[in-house]
Amino acid sequence: MEMISARPVVVKHLPENLSVQHGRIFFLEVEPSLKADRPRLVLDCSKVRQLDSAGIQVLLHCLEEAMKRNGDIKLAAVPPAAAEILELTKVDSLFETFDNSADAVNSFYQFPAHAFQPALQPDYPISASESIA
């Protein structure tokens, strides 16, 4: 029996200033990881001190490239100021975030929590003749 090894998870640290110039440099650095089949990437945000619209565009562009190849990007260690900007721009809902890089990496190797939830109940009432007694 042949086992298929899991694809590695790549961790990249975002620069302190994720503006236009730094964002372009960062994207060029991370682009090879995004071109892999089913890329799995954790962006460690612990050093981010300035996040503007150009930085958000970089994050969205990274996510778009990963999703084109059936991959995903997760954020780790997002500082409060950056988290607030992501929330104000509604971008926070597009990324799964974690307290640290290790938790984000491990999340790629776990089943999603919703996989273990019971099946949804119908939204409409079931009549007595339809119910299973």
Protein backbone atom coordinates (compact mmCIF):
# COMPACT_ATOMS: atom_id res chain seq x y z
CA MET A 1 0.00 0.00 0.00
CA GLU A 2 1.41 3.37 -1.01
CA MET A 3 0.93 6.32 1.31
CA ILE A 4 0.73 9.84 0.00
CA SER A 5 2.63 12.25 2.19
CA ALA A 6 0.91 15.43 3.25
CA ARG A 7 1.97 18.60 1.51
CA PRO A 8 4.07 20.87 3.68
CA VAL A 9 2.67 23.99 5.25
CA VAL A 10 4.78 27.06 4.49
CA VAL A 11 5.09 29.77 7.14
CA LYS A 12 5.99 33.29 5.99
CA HIS A 13 6.52 36.30 8.23
CA LEU A 14 4.88 39.50 7.07
CA PRO A 15 7.07 42.61 7.20
CA GLU A 16 6.59 45.27 9.86
CA ASN A 17 5.25 47.70 7.26
CA LEU A 18 2.89 46.11 4.73
CA SER A 19 2.47 49.09 2.42
CA VAL A 20 2.77 49.35 -1.38
CA GLN A 21 6.54 48.94 -1.66
CA HIS A 22 6.93 46.31 1.05
CA GLY A 23 3.81 44.51 -0.15
CA ARG A 24 5.22 44.03 -3.65
CA ILE A 25 8.48 42.71 -2.26
CA PHE A 26 6.62 40.35 0.07
CA PHE A 27 4.39 39.04 -2.73
CA LEU A 28 7.40 38.30 -4.92
CA GLU A 29 8.92 36.38 -2.01
CA VAL A 30 5.78 34.32 -1.34
CA GLU A 31 4.66 33.83 -4.95
CA PRO A 32 6.61 30.57 -5.55
CA SER A 33 4.81 28.98 -2.57
CA LEU A 34 1.46 30.06 -4.01
CA LYS A 35 2.17 28.41 -7.38
CA ALA A 36 2.29 24.93 -5.82
CA ASP A 37 -0.62 22.52 -6.20
CA ARG A 38 -2.97 23.08 -3.23
CA PRO A 39 -0.73 25.60 -1.46
CA ARG A 40 -1.02 25.72 2.32
CA LEU A 41 0.38 28.90 3.75
CA VAL A 42 0.47 30.51 7.18
CA LEU A 43 1.18 34.22 7.27
CA ASP A 44 2.71 35.17 10.61
CA CYS A 45 1.61 38.73 11.31
CA SER A 46 3.40 39.17 14.64
CA LYS A 47 5.76 41.87 13.33
CA VAL A 48 3.10 43.91 11.48
CA ARG A 49 2.92 47.46 12.81
CA GLN A 50 1.43 49.22 9.77
CA LEU A 51 -1.27 47.75 7.58
CA ASP A 52 -2.90 49.92 4.94
CA SER A 53 -5.13 49.28 1.93
CA ALA A 54 -2.14 48.18 -0.14
CA GLY A 55 -1.27 45.61 2.51
CA ILE A 56 -4.82 44.32 2.56
CA GLN A 57 -4.67 44.03 -1.24
CA VAL A 58 -1.53 41.90 -0.90
CA LEU A 59 -3.27 39.59 1.58
CA LEU A 60 -6.29 39.28 -0.70
CA HIS A 61 -4.10 38.66 -3.74
CA CYS A 62 -2.26 35.89 -1.87
CA LEU A 63 -5.57 34.32 -0.87
CA GLU A 64 -6.89 34.55 -4.42
CA GLU A 65 -3.80 32.83 -5.84
CA ALA A 66 -3.98 30.06 -3.23
CA MET A 67 -7.68 29.47 -3.84
CA LYS A 68 -7.13 29.23 -7.61
CA ARG A 69 -5.06 26.14 -6.84
CA ASN A 70 -7.42 24.72 -4.18
CA GLY A 71 -5.21 25.93 -1.36
CA ASP A 72 -5.69 28.09 1.68
CA ILE A 73 -4.00 30.82 3.68
CA LYS A 74 -4.33 31.28 7.41
CA LEU A 75 -3.20 34.19 9.54
CA ALA A 76 -1.30 33.86 12.81
CA ALA A 77 -0.40 36.24 15.63
CA VAL A 78 -2.32 39.22 14.26
CA PRO A 79 -1.59 42.29 16.42
CA PRO A 80 -4.67 44.11 17.79
CA ALA A 81 -4.25 47.18 15.55
CA ALA A 82 -3.97 45.04 12.40
CA ALA A 83 -6.90 42.87 13.54
CA GLU A 84 -9.00 46.01 13.92
CA ILE A 85 -8.18 47.11 10.36
CA LEU A 86 -9.01 43.66 9.01
CA GLU A 87 -12.32 43.78 10.89
CA LEU A 88 -13.21 47.31 9.74
CA THR A 89 -12.60 46.33 6.11
CA LYS A 90 -14.51 43.04 6.56
CA VAL A 91 -11.45 41.11 5.40
CA ASP A 92 -11.21 39.25 8.72
CA SER A 93 -14.07 36.96 7.70
CA LEU A 94 -12.08 35.68 4.71
CA PHE A 95 -9.18 34.34 6.77
CA GLU A 96 -9.02 31.83 9.56
CA THR A 97 -6.85 33.35 12.30
CA PHE A 98 -4.85 31.76 15.10
CA ASP A 99 -2.95 32.99 18.15
CA ASN A 100 0.35 31.60 16.86
CA SER A 101 1.94 29.96 13.83
CA ALA A 102 2.07 26.50 15.40
CA ASP A 103 -1.71 26.41 15.91
CA ALA A 104 -2.26 27.66 12.35
CA VAL A 105 0.04 24.98 10.91
CA ASN A 106 -1.63 22.26 12.98
CA SER A 107 -5.06 23.35 11.74
CA PHE A 108 -4.13 22.14 8.26
CA TYR A 109 -3.74 18.62 9.65
CA GLN A 110 -7.06 18.49 11.55
CA PHE A 111 -10.59 17.87 10.40
CA PRO A 112 -12.77 20.97 10.48
CA ALA A 113 -15.00 21.16 13.55
CA HIS A 114 -18.16 21.19 11.43
CA ALA A 115 -17.30 17.72 10.10
CA PHE A 116 -18.33 16.27 13.45
CA GLN A 117 -21.57 18.21 13.90
CA PRO A 118 -24.83 16.30 13.57
CA ALA A 119 -26.87 16.71 10.42
CA LEU A 120 -29.03 19.81 10.29
CA GLN A 121 -32.67 19.47 11.22
CA PRO A 122 -35.24 20.67 8.69
CA ASP A 123 -36.44 24.26 9.06
CA TYR A 124 -40.06 23.22 8.63
CA PRO A 125 -42.26 21.32 11.10
CA ILE A 126 -42.78 17.64 10.44
CA SER A 127 -46.36 16.40 10.76
CA ALA A 128 -47.18 13.46 12.94
CA SER A 129 -47.75 11.25 9.90
CA GLU A 130 -44.23 12.05 8.62
CA SER A 131 -42.41 11.56 11.91
CA ILE A 132 -40.64 8.35 12.68
CA ALA A 133 -42.11 6.88 15.81
